[in-house]
PDB file of all heavy atoms in Angstrom:
ATOM      1  N   GLY A   1      45.031  22.400 134.555  1.00  0.00           N
ATOM      2  CA  GLY A   1      45.552  22.808 133.298  1.00  0.00           C
ATOM      3  C   GLY A   1      46.867  22.022 132.945  1.00  0.00           C
ATOM      4  O   GLY A   1      47.653  22.497 132.177  1.00  0.00           O
ATOM      5  N   ASP A   2      47.025  20.862 133.555  1.00  0.00           N
ATOM      6  CA  ASP A   2      48.190  20.083 133.400  1.00  0.00           C
ATOM      7  C   ASP A   2      48.060  19.018 132.264  1.00  0.00           C
ATOM      8  O   ASP A   2      48.057  17.816 132.503  1.00  0.00           O
ATOM      9  CB  ASP A   2      48.492  19.336 134.736  1.00  0.00           C
ATOM     10  CG  ASP A   2      49.902  18.694 134.684  1.00  0.00           C
ATOM     11  OD1 ASP A   2      50.749  18.992 133.841  1.00  0.00           O
ATOM     12  OD2 ASP A   2      50.099  17.771 135.561  1.00  0.00           O
ATOM     13  N   PHE A   3      47.933  19.529 131.035  1.00  0.00           N
ATOM     14  CA  PHE A   3      47.787  18.709 129.871  1.00  0.00           C
ATOM     15  C   PHE A   3      48.062  19.531 128.623  1.00  0.00           C
ATOM     16  O   PHE A   3      47.973  20.715 128.609  1.00  0.00           O
ATOM     17  CB  PHE A   3      46.351  18.102 129.793  1.00  0.00           C
ATOM     18  CG  PHE A   3      45.297  19.085 129.560  1.00  0.00           C
ATOM     19  CD1 PHE A   3      44.750  19.244 128.296  1.00  0.00           C
ATOM     20  CD2 PHE A   3      44.760  19.887 130.597  1.00  0.00           C
ATOM     21  CE1 PHE A   3      43.703  20.159 128.077  1.00  0.00           C
ATOM     22  CE2 PHE A   3      43.773  20.798 130.406  1.00  0.00           C
ATOM     23  CZ  PHE A   3      43.260  20.996 129.163  1.00  0.00           C
ATOM     24  N   GLY A   4      48.327  18.836 127.556  1.00  0.00           N
ATOM     25  CA  GLY A   4      48.493  19.467 126.191  1.00  0.00           C
ATOM     26  C   GLY A   4      47.198  19.363 125.431  1.00  0.00           C
ATOM     27  O   GLY A   4      46.615  20.333 125.029  1.00  0.00           O
ATOM     28  N   VAL A   5      46.773  18.107 125.186  1.00  0.00           N
ATOM     29  CA  VAL A   5      45.596  17.788 124.459  1.00  0.00           C
ATOM     30  C   VAL A   5      44.837  16.802 125.321  1.00  0.00           C
ATOM     31  O   VAL A   5      45.412  15.892 125.900  1.00  0.00           O
ATOM     32  CB  VAL A   5      45.870  17.250 123.090  1.00  0.00           C
ATOM     33  CG1 VAL A   5      44.610  16.782 122.366  1.00  0.00           C
ATOM     34  CG2 VAL A   5      46.622  18.242 122.216  1.00  0.00           C
ATOM     35  N   SER A   6      43.498  16.915 125.364  1.00  0.00           N
ATOM     36  CA  SER A   6      42.715  15.967 126.162  1.00  0.00           C
ATOM     37  C   SER A   6      41.555  15.368 125.294  1.00  0.00           C
ATOM     38  O   SER A   6      40.936  16.036 124.580  1.00  0.00           O
ATOM     39  CB  SER A   6      42.175  16.581 127.376  1.00  0.00           C
ATOM     40  OG  SER A   6      41.306  15.739 128.082  1.00  0.00           O
ATOM     41  N   ARG A   7      41.303  14.110 125.514  1.00  0.00           N
ATOM     42  CA  ARG A   7      40.118  13.390 124.986  1.00  0.00           C
ATOM     43  C   ARG A   7      39.068  13.600 126.072  1.00  0.00           C
ATOM     44  O   ARG A   7      39.233  13.195 127.201  1.00  0.00           O
ATOM     45  CB  ARG A   7      40.371  11.933 124.712  1.00  0.00           C
ATOM     46  CG  ARG A   7      39.311  11.313 123.836  1.00  0.00           C
ATOM     47  CD  ARG A   7      38.345  10.307 124.552  1.00  0.00           C
ATOM     48  NE  ARG A   7      37.925  10.452 125.849  1.00  0.00           N
ATOM     49  CZ  ARG A   7      36.685  10.789 126.283  1.00  0.00           C
ATOM     50  NH1 ARG A   7      35.807  11.163 125.398  1.00  0.00           N
ATOM     51  NH2 ARG A   7      36.403  10.837 127.542  1.00  0.00           N
ATOM     52  N   TYR A   8      37.998  14.264 125.709  1.00  0.00           N
ATOM     53  CA  TYR A   8      36.962  14.590 126.678  1.00  0.00           C
ATOM     54  C   TYR A   8      35.614  14.615 125.957  1.00  0.00           C
ATOM     55  O   TYR A   8      35.617  14.884 124.747  1.00  0.00           O
ATOM     56  CB  TYR A   8      37.279  15.928 127.399  1.00  0.00           C
ATOM     57  CG  TYR A   8      36.533  16.140 128.648  1.00  0.00           C
ATOM     58  CD1 TYR A   8      36.912  15.521 129.811  1.00  0.00           C
ATOM     59  CD2 TYR A   8      35.494  17.042 128.683  1.00  0.00           C
ATOM     60  CE1 TYR A   8      36.243  15.732 130.969  1.00  0.00           C
ATOM     61  CE2 TYR A   8      34.836  17.257 129.868  1.00  0.00           C
ATOM     62  CZ  TYR A   8      35.214  16.635 131.029  1.00  0.00           C
ATOM     63  OH  TYR A   8      34.567  16.868 132.215  1.00  0.00           O
ATOM     64  N   GLY A   9      34.544  14.416 126.592  1.00  0.00           N
ATOM     65  CA  GLY A   9      33.276  14.523 125.974  1.00  0.00           C
ATOM     66  C   GLY A   9      32.289  15.225 126.852  1.00  0.00           C
ATOM     67  O   GLY A   9      32.504  15.430 128.089  1.00  0.00           O
ATOM     68  N   TRP A  10      31.219  15.713 126.248  1.00  0.00           N
ATOM     69  CA  TRP A  10      30.177  16.393 126.985  1.00  0.00           C
ATOM     70  C   TRP A  10      28.818  15.917 126.441  1.00  0.00           C
ATOM     71  O   TRP A  10      28.645  15.961 125.248  1.00  0.00           O
ATOM     72  CB  TRP A  10      30.359  17.870 126.819  1.00  0.00           C
ATOM     73  CG  TRP A  10      29.411  18.686 127.679  1.00  0.00           C
ATOM     74  CD1 TRP A  10      28.163  19.179 127.321  1.00  0.00           C
ATOM     75  CD2 TRP A  10      29.639  19.051 129.021  1.00  0.00           C
ATOM     76  NE1 TRP A  10      27.620  19.872 128.401  1.00  0.00           N
ATOM     77  CE2 TRP A  10      28.546  19.832 129.457  1.00  0.00           C
ATOM     78  CE3 TRP A  10      30.658  18.896 129.886  1.00  0.00           C
ATOM     79  CZ2 TRP A  10      28.406  20.365 130.733  1.00  0.00           C
ATOM     80  CZ3 TRP A  10      30.581  19.415 131.203  1.00  0.00           C
ATOM     81  CH2 TRP A  10      29.471  20.105 131.596  1.00  0.00           C
ATOM     82  N   ASN A  11      27.931  15.595 127.328  1.00  0.00           N
ATOM     83  CA  ASN A  11      26.556  15.238 126.937  1.00  0.00           C
ATOM     84  C   ASN A  11      25.627  16.296 127.480  1.00  0.00           C
ATOM     85  O   ASN A  11      25.695  16.721 128.598  1.00  0.00           O
ATOM     86  CB  ASN A  11      26.169  13.887 127.558  1.00  0.00           C
ATOM     87  CG  ASN A  11      26.945  12.725 126.946  1.00  0.00           C
ATOM     88  OD1 ASN A  11      27.039  12.602 125.793  1.00  0.00           O
ATOM     89  ND2 ASN A  11      27.557  11.896 127.856  1.00  0.00           N
ATOM     90  N   GLY A  12      24.795  16.742 126.541  1.00  0.00           N
ATOM     91  CA  GLY A  12      23.780  17.758 126.923  1.00  0.00           C
ATOM     92  C   GLY A  12      22.776  17.221 127.968  1.00  0.00           C
ATOM     93  O   GLY A  12      22.282  16.094 127.739  1.00  0.00           O
ATOM     94  N   ASP A  13      22.490  17.954 129.024  1.00  0.00           N
ATOM     95  CA  ASP A  13      21.553  17.470 129.990  1.00  0.00           C
ATOM     96  C   ASP A  13      20.180  18.193 129.906  1.00  0.00           C
ATOM     97  O   ASP A  13      19.322  17.954 130.708  1.00  0.00           O
ATOM     98  CB  ASP A  13      22.173  17.543 131.411  1.00  0.00           C
ATOM     99  CG  ASP A  13      22.661  18.937 131.742  1.00  0.00           C
ATOM    100  OD1 ASP A  13      22.814  19.787 130.837  1.00  0.00           O
ATOM    101  OD2 ASP A  13      23.014  19.149 132.922  1.00  0.00           O
ATOM    102  N   TYR A  14      20.064  19.071 128.942  1.00  0.00           N
ATOM    103  CA  TYR A  14      18.739  19.754 128.670  1.00  0.00           C
ATOM    104  C   TYR A  14      18.738  20.129 127.212  1.00  0.00           C
ATOM    105  O   TYR A  14      19.787  20.252 126.575  1.00  0.00           O
ATOM    106  CB  TYR A  14      18.456  20.887 129.614  1.00  0.00           C
ATOM    107  CG  TYR A  14      19.568  21.943 129.638  1.00  0.00           C
ATOM    108  CD1 TYR A  14      19.508  23.083 128.772  1.00  0.00           C
ATOM    109  CD2 TYR A  14      20.619  21.856 130.569  1.00  0.00           C
ATOM    110  CE1 TYR A  14      20.497  24.085 128.827  1.00  0.00           C
ATOM    111  CE2 TYR A  14      21.565  22.819 130.571  1.00  0.00           C
ATOM    112  CZ  TYR A  14      21.496  23.905 129.733  1.00  0.00           C
ATOM    113  OH  TYR A  14      22.530  24.883 129.781  1.00  0.00           O
ATOM    114  N   ASN A  15      17.546  20.289 126.622  1.00  0.00           N
ATOM    115  CA  ASN A  15      17.403  20.477 125.210  1.00  0.00           C
ATOM    116  C   ASN A  15      17.437  22.001 124.827  1.00  0.00           C
ATOM    117  O   ASN A  15      16.492  22.623 124.456  1.00  0.00           O
ATOM    118  CB  ASN A  15      15.997  19.901 124.788  1.00  0.00           C
ATOM    119  CG  ASN A  15      15.897  19.909 123.293  1.00  0.00           C
ATOM    120  OD1 ASN A  15      16.857  19.840 122.563  1.00  0.00           O
ATOM    121  ND2 ASN A  15      14.681  20.074 122.793  1.00  0.00           N
ATOM    122  N   ASP A  16      18.684  22.479 124.907  1.00  0.00           N
ATOM    123  CA  ASP A  16      18.987  23.849 124.550  1.00  0.00           C
ATOM    124  C   ASP A  16      20.481  23.909 124.141  1.00  0.00           C
ATOM    125  O   ASP A  16      21.289  23.240 124.845  1.00  0.00           O
ATOM    126  CB  ASP A  16      18.698  24.811 125.658  1.00  0.00           C
ATOM    127  CG  ASP A  16      18.779  26.266 125.185  1.00  0.00           C
ATOM    128  OD1 ASP A  16      17.742  26.798 124.702  1.00  0.00           O
ATOM    129  OD2 ASP A  16      19.847  26.856 125.325  1.00  0.00           O
ATOM    130  N   ALA A  17      20.763  24.722 123.169  1.00  0.00           N
ATOM    131  CA  ALA A  17      22.180  24.874 122.708  1.00  0.00           C
ATOM    132  C   ALA A  17      23.095  25.331 123.835  1.00  0.00           C
ATOM    133  O   ALA A  17      24.291  24.940 123.840  1.00  0.00           O
ATOM    134  CB  ALA A  17      22.237  25.826 121.541  1.00  0.00           C
ATOM    135  N   SER A  18      22.532  25.977 124.821  1.00  0.00           N
ATOM    136  CA  SER A  18      23.464  26.541 125.879  1.00  0.00           C
ATOM    137  C   SER A  18      24.103  25.418 126.694  1.00  0.00           C
ATOM    138  O   SER A  18      25.115  25.611 127.360  1.00  0.00           O
ATOM    139  CB  SER A  18      22.652  27.454 126.832  1.00  0.00           C
ATOM    140  OG  SER A  18      21.609  26.783 127.466  1.00  0.00           O
ATOM    141  N   THR A  19      23.481  24.222 126.708  1.00  0.00           N
ATOM    142  CA  THR A  19      24.100  23.087 127.390  1.00  0.00           C
ATOM    143  C   THR A  19      25.506  22.817 126.867  1.00  0.00           C
ATOM    144  O   THR A  19      26.342  22.260 127.560  1.00  0.00           O
ATOM    145  CB  THR A  19      23.196  21.835 127.382  1.00  0.00           C
ATOM    146  OG1 THR A  19      23.731  20.886 128.288  1.00  0.00           O
ATOM    147  CG2 THR A  19      23.132  21.205 126.008  1.00  0.00           C
ATOM    148  N   PHE A  20      25.687  23.100 125.585  1.00  0.00           N
ATOM    149  CA  PHE A  20      27.007  22.910 124.972  1.00  0.00           C
ATOM    150  C   PHE A  20      27.843  24.218 124.901  1.00  0.00           C
ATOM    151  O   PHE A  20      28.999  24.250 125.157  1.00  0.00           O
ATOM    152  CB  PHE A  20      26.882  22.339 123.546  1.00  0.00           C
ATOM    153  CG  PHE A  20      26.195  20.986 123.549  1.00  0.00           C
ATOM    154  CD1 PHE A  20      24.885  20.840 123.152  1.00  0.00           C
ATOM    155  CD2 PHE A  20      26.896  19.818 123.940  1.00  0.00           C
ATOM    156  CE1 PHE A  20      24.251  19.610 123.171  1.00  0.00           C
ATOM    157  CE2 PHE A  20      26.296  18.616 123.991  1.00  0.00           C
ATOM    158  CZ  PHE A  20      24.933  18.507 123.546  1.00  0.00           C
ATOM    159  N   LEU A  21      27.172  25.338 124.574  1.00  0.00           N
ATOM    160  CA  LEU A  21      27.869  26.564 124.447  1.00  0.00           C
ATOM    161  C   LEU A  21      28.390  27.162 125.685  1.00  0.00           C
ATOM    162  O   LEU A  21      29.487  27.744 125.749  1.00  0.00           O
ATOM    163  CB  LEU A  21      26.895  27.589 123.777  1.00  0.00           C
ATOM    164  CG  LEU A  21      26.384  27.221 122.357  1.00  0.00           C
ATOM    165  CD1 LEU A  21      25.339  28.225 121.898  1.00  0.00           C
ATOM    166  CD2 LEU A  21      27.525  27.089 121.407  1.00  0.00           C
ATOM    167  N   ASP A  22      27.695  27.017 126.798  1.00  0.00           N
ATOM    168  CA  ASP A  22      28.086  27.536 128.117  1.00  0.00           C
ATOM    169  C   ASP A  22      29.425  27.000 128.632  1.00  0.00           C
ATOM    170  O   ASP A  22      30.122  27.672 129.337  1.00  0.00           O
ATOM    171  CB  ASP A  22      27.039  27.344 129.157  1.00  0.00           C
ATOM    172  CG  ASP A  22      25.831  28.274 128.999  1.00  0.00           C
ATOM    173  OD1 ASP A  22      25.887  29.225 128.185  1.00  0.00           O
ATOM    174  OD2 ASP A  22      24.821  28.064 129.671  1.00  0.00           O
ATOM    175  N   ILE A  23      29.778  25.766 128.173  1.00  0.00           N
ATOM    176  CA  ILE A  23      31.001  25.180 128.741  1.00  0.00           C
ATOM    177  C   ILE A  23      32.244  25.938 128.264  1.00  0.00           C
ATOM    178  O   ILE A  23      33.319  25.761 128.784  1.00  0.00           O
ATOM    179  CB  ILE A  23      31.124  23.698 128.465  1.00  0.00           C
ATOM    180  CG1 ILE A  23      31.229  23.411 126.980  1.00  0.00           C
ATOM    181  CG2 ILE A  23      30.008  22.908 129.138  1.00  0.00           C
ATOM    182  CD1 ILE A  23      31.533  21.923 126.668  1.00  0.00           C
ATOM    183  N   MET A  24      32.107  26.727 127.216  1.00  0.00           N
ATOM    184  CA  MET A  24      33.266  27.429 126.614  1.00  0.00           C
ATOM    185  C   MET A  24      33.365  28.855 127.146  1.00  0.00           C
ATOM    186  O   MET A  24      34.284  29.607 126.705  1.00  0.00           O
ATOM    187  CB  MET A  24      33.262  27.390 125.133  1.00  0.00           C
ATOM    188  CG  MET A  24      33.463  25.981 124.565  1.00  0.00           C
ATOM    189  SD  MET A  24      34.980  25.167 125.162  1.00  0.00           S
ATOM    190  CE  MET A  24      36.212  26.210 124.408  1.00  0.00           C
ATOM    191  N   THR A  25      32.462  29.267 128.026  1.00  0.00           N
ATOM    192  CA  THR A  25      32.599  30.654 128.570  1.00  0.00           C
ATOM    193  C   THR A  25      33.830  30.682 129.516  1.00  0.00           C
ATOM    194  O   THR A  25      34.176  29.660 130.092  1.00  0.00           O
ATOM    195  CB  THR A  25      31.344  31.057 129.312  1.00  0.00           C
ATOM    196  OG1 THR A  25      31.067  30.176 130.408  1.00  0.00           O
ATOM    197  CG2 THR A  25      30.087  31.156 128.400  1.00  0.00           C
ATOM    198  N   SER A  26      34.338  31.861 129.698  1.00  0.00           N
ATOM    199  CA  SER A  26      35.545  32.004 130.538  1.00  0.00           C
ATOM    200  C   SER A  26      35.275  31.628 131.999  1.00  0.00           C
ATOM    201  O   SER A  26      36.227  31.215 132.682  1.00  0.00           O
ATOM    202  CB  SER A  26      36.130  33.382 130.432  1.00  0.00           C
ATOM    203  OG  SER A  26      35.141  34.343 130.855  1.00  0.00           O
ATOM    204  N   SER A  27      34.035  31.737 132.407  1.00  0.00           N
ATOM    205  CA  SER A  27      33.725  31.456 133.828  1.00  0.00           C
ATOM    206  C   SER A  27      33.300  29.996 134.101  1.00  0.00           C
ATOM    207  O   SER A  27      33.095  29.610 135.234  1.00  0.00           O
ATOM    208  CB  SER A  27      32.610  32.336 134.324  1.00  0.00           C
ATOM    209  OG  SER A  27      31.387  32.186 133.502  1.00  0.00           O
ATOM    210  N   SER A  28      33.239  29.133 133.063  1.00  0.00           N
ATOM    211  CA  SER A  28      32.795  27.807 133.158  1.00  0.00           C
ATOM    212  C   SER A  28      33.841  26.943 133.813  1.00  0.00           C
ATOM    213  O   SER A  28      34.981  26.894 133.353  1.00  0.00           O
ATOM    214  CB  SER A  28      32.397  27.185 131.839  1.00  0.00           C
ATOM    215  OG  SER A  28      32.085  25.846 131.965  1.00  0.00           O
ATOM    216  N   SER A  29      33.510  26.147 134.814  1.00  0.00           N
ATOM    217  CA  SER A  29      34.472  25.200 135.418  1.00  0.00           C
ATOM    218  C   SER A  29      34.750  24.051 134.443  1.00  0.00           C
ATOM    219  O   SER A  29      35.748  23.356 134.655  1.00  0.00           O
ATOM    220  CB  SER A  29      33.904  24.646 136.782  1.00  0.00           C
ATOM    221  OG  SER A  29      32.701  23.964 136.511  1.00  0.00           O
ATOM    222  N   ALA A  30      33.924  23.832 133.436  1.00  0.00           N
ATOM    223  CA  ALA A  30      34.145  22.772 132.432  1.00  0.00           C
ATOM    224  C   ALA A  30      35.085  23.228 131.325  1.00  0.00           C
ATOM    225  O   ALA A  30      35.512  22.409 130.497  1.00  0.00           O
ATOM    226  CB  ALA A  30      32.822  22.346 131.874  1.00  0.00           C
ATOM    227  N   ASN A  31      35.497  24.497 131.311  1.00  0.00           N
ATOM    228  CA  ASN A  31      36.334  25.050 130.303  1.00  0.00           C
ATOM    229  C   ASN A  31      37.809  24.745 130.709  1.00  0.00           C
ATOM    230  O   ASN A  31      38.597  25.635 131.068  1.00  0.00           O
ATOM    231  CB  ASN A  31      36.169  26.571 130.114  1.00  0.00           C
ATOM    232  CG  ASN A  31      37.001  27.208 129.060  1.00  0.00           C
ATOM    233  OD1 ASN A  31      37.723  26.560 128.388  1.00  0.00           O
ATOM    234  ND2 ASN A  31      36.801  28.539 128.928  1.00  0.00           N
ATOM    235  N   SER A  32      38.210  23.456 130.579  1.00  0.00           N
ATOM    236  CA  SER A  32      39.506  23.039 131.020  1.00  0.00           C
ATOM    237  C   SER A  32      40.653  23.645 130.264  1.00  0.00           C
ATOM    238  O   SER A  32      41.710  23.814 130.805  1.00  0.00           O
ATOM    239  CB  SER A  32      39.615  21.541 130.940  1.00  0.00           C
ATOM    240  OG  SER A  32      38.639  20.905 131.730  1.00  0.00           O
ATOM    241  N   GLY A  33      40.421  23.961 128.995  1.00  0.00           N
ATOM    242  CA  GLY A  33      41.435  24.612 128.202  1.00  0.00           C
ATOM    243  C   GLY A  33      41.663  26.056 128.492  1.00  0.00           C
ATOM    244  O   GLY A  33      42.554  26.721 127.973  1.00  0.00           O
ATOM    245  N   LYS A  34      40.747  26.644 129.353  1.00  0.00           N
ATOM    246  CA  LYS A  34      40.870  28.022 129.729  1.00  0.00           C
ATOM    247  C   LYS A  34      40.776  28.988 128.551  1.00  0.00           C
ATOM    248  O   LYS A  34      41.357  30.070 128.526  1.00  0.00           O
ATOM    249  CB  LYS A  34      42.118  28.316 130.575  1.00  0.00           C
ATOM    250  CG  LYS A  34      42.322  27.365 131.745  1.00  0.00           C
ATOM    251  CD  LYS A  34      41.259  27.396 132.739  1.00  0.00           C
ATOM    252  CE  LYS A  34      41.565  26.487 133.916  1.00  0.00           C
ATOM    253  NZ  LYS A  34      40.388  25.842 134.423  1.00  0.00           N
ATOM    254  N   TRP A  35      40.017  28.563 127.512  1.00  0.00           N
ATOM    255  CA  TRP A  35      39.857  29.406 126.358  1.00  0.00           C
ATOM    256  C   TRP A  35      39.052  30.645 126.810  1.00  0.00           C
ATOM    257  O   TRP A  35      38.136  30.509 127.617  1.00  0.00           O
ATOM    258  CB  TRP A  35      39.041  28.626 125.274  1.00  0.00           C
ATOM    259  CG  TRP A  35      38.855  29.487 124.024  1.00  0.00           C
ATOM    260  CD1 TRP A  35      39.724  29.831 123.131  1.00  0.00           C
ATOM    261  CD2 TRP A  35      37.558  30.050 123.593  1.00  0.00           C
ATOM    262  NE1 TRP A  35      39.143  30.562 122.101  1.00  0.00           N
ATOM    263  CE2 TRP A  35      37.819  30.702 122.359  1.00  0.00           C
ATOM    264  CE3 TRP A  35      36.285  30.079 124.150  1.00  0.00           C
ATOM    265  CZ2 TRP A  35      36.838  31.395 121.699  1.00  0.00           C
ATOM    266  CZ3 TRP A  35      35.328  30.745 123.430  1.00  0.00           C
ATOM    267  CH2 TRP A  35      35.613  31.371 122.246  1.00  0.00           C
ATOM    268  N   PHE A  36      39.401  31.815 126.298  1.00  0.00           N
ATOM    269  CA  PHE A  36      38.731  33.033 126.713  1.00  0.00           C
ATOM    270  C   PHE A  36      38.516  33.953 125.540  1.00  0.00           C
ATOM    271  O   PHE A  36      39.411  34.194 124.693  1.00  0.00           O
ATOM    272  CB  PHE A  36      39.617  33.814 127.747  1.00  0.00           C
ATOM    273  CG  PHE A  36      39.087  35.123 128.153  1.00  0.00           C
ATOM    274  CD1 PHE A  36      38.047  35.209 129.055  1.00  0.00           C
ATOM    275  CD2 PHE A  36      39.601  36.250 127.656  1.00  0.00           C
ATOM    276  CE1 PHE A  36      37.543  36.447 129.411  1.00  0.00           C
ATOM    277  CE2 PHE A  36      39.153  37.479 128.018  1.00  0.00           C
ATOM    278  CZ  PHE A  36      38.071  37.586 128.900  1.00  0.00           C
ATOM    279  N   ASN A  37      37.267  34.425 125.367  1.00  0.00           N
ATOM    280  CA  ASN A  37      36.880  35.353 124.343  1.00  0.00           C
ATOM    281  C   ASN A  37      35.809  36.268 124.846  1.00  0.00           C
ATOM    282  O   ASN A  37      34.703  35.799 125.107  1.00  0.00           O
ATOM    283  CB  ASN A  37      36.495  34.587 123.102  1.00  0.00           C
ATOM    284  CG  ASN A  37      36.149  35.506 121.937  1.00  0.00           C
ATOM    285  OD1 ASN A  37      35.230  36.328 121.947  1.00  0.00           O
ATOM    286  ND2 ASN A  37      36.913  35.412 120.841  1.00  0.00           N
ATOM    287  N   LYS A  38      36.148  37.540 125.060  1.00  0.00           N
ATOM    288  CA  LYS A  38      35.163  38.491 125.638  1.00  0.00           C
ATOM    289  C   LYS A  38      33.891  38.532 124.780  1.00  0.00           C
ATOM    290  O   LYS A  38      32.805  38.625 125.340  1.00  0.00           O
ATOM    291  CB  LYS A  38      35.758  39.858 125.759  1.00  0.00           C
ATOM    292  CG  LYS A  38      36.759  40.041 126.898  1.00  0.00           C
ATOM    293  CD  LYS A  38      37.271  41.431 126.933  1.00  0.00           C
ATOM    294  CE  LYS A  38      38.290  41.635 128.034  1.00  0.00           C
ATOM    295  NZ  LYS A  38      38.813  42.980 128.127  1.00  0.00           N
ATOM    296  N   GLU A  39      34.029  38.570 123.502  1.00  0.00           N
ATOM    297  CA  GLU A  39      32.889  38.708 122.592  1.00  0.00           C
ATOM    298  C   GLU A  39      31.982  37.446 122.739  1.00  0.00           C
ATOM    299  O   GLU A  39      30.741  37.590 122.832  1.00  0.00           O
ATOM    300  CB  GLU A  39      33.306  38.882 121.166  1.00  0.00           C
ATOM    301  CG  GLU A  39      32.153  39.098 120.216  1.00  0.00           C
ATOM    302  CD  GLU A  39      32.550  39.289 118.790  1.00  0.00           C
ATOM    303  OE1 GLU A  39      33.780  39.141 118.427  1.00  0.00           O
ATOM    304  OE2 GLU A  39      31.638  39.619 117.980  1.00  0.00           O
ATOM    305  N   TYR A  40      32.548  36.305 122.829  1.00  0.00           N
ATOM    306  CA  TYR A  40      31.769  35.053 122.986  1.00  0.00           C
ATOM    307  C   TYR A  40      31.015  35.151 124.347  1.00  0.00           C
ATOM    308  O   TYR A  40      29.801  34.883 124.328  1.00  0.00           O
ATOM    309  CB  TYR A  40      32.760  33.826 122.993  1.00  0.00           C
ATOM    310  CG  TYR A  40      32.075  32.502 123.124  1.00  0.00           C
ATOM    311  CD1 TYR A  40      31.559  31.831 122.011  1.00  0.00           C
ATOM    312  CD2 TYR A  40      31.862  31.874 124.325  1.00  0.00           C
ATOM    313  CE1 TYR A  40      30.961  30.635 122.061  1.00  0.00           C
ATOM    314  CE2 TYR A  40      31.262  30.611 124.430  1.00  0.00           C
ATOM    315  CZ  TYR A  40      30.809  30.000 123.271  1.00  0.00           C
ATOM    316  OH  TYR A  40      30.157  28.794 123.379  1.00  0.00           O
ATOM    317  N   ASP A  41      31.687  35.518 125.345  1.00  0.00           N
ATOM    318  CA  ASP A  41      31.033  35.599 126.706  1.00  0.00           C
ATOM    319  C   ASP A  41      29.862  36.573 126.658  1.00  0.00           C
ATOM    320  O   ASP A  41      28.742  36.329 127.146  1.00  0.00           O
ATOM    321  CB  ASP A  41      32.025  36.035 127.773  1.00  0.00           C
ATOM    322  CG  ASP A  41      33.027  34.934 128.174  1.00  0.00           C
ATOM    323  OD1 ASP A  41      32.905  33.802 127.706  1.00  0.00           O
ATOM    324  OD2 ASP A  41      33.971  35.249 128.941  1.00  0.00           O
ATOM    325  N   ALA A  42      30.097  37.740 126.027  1.00  0.00           N
ATOM    326  CA  ALA A  42      29.120  38.763 125.943  1.00  0.00           C
ATOM    327  C   ALA A  42      27.858  38.314 125.142  1.00  0.00           C
ATOM    328  O   ALA A  42      26.731  38.579 125.475  1.00  0.00           O
ATOM    329  CB  ALA A  42      29.649  40.069 125.338  1.00  0.00           C
TER     330      ALA A  42
END
C-alpha cells in the first residue's frame, strides 16, 4: 500500500465478467488500493 496512484493493468484470463470484477472485492490480493464495499462483496 506504499503508493498514491499506480499505473496497472489487468487482463482477463477467462471469458466471464468475474475475471475483472473479482479483483475489486475486499478479499482479493489484486485489490492493491484496498477498496472495500460490503454491498459490492455481497
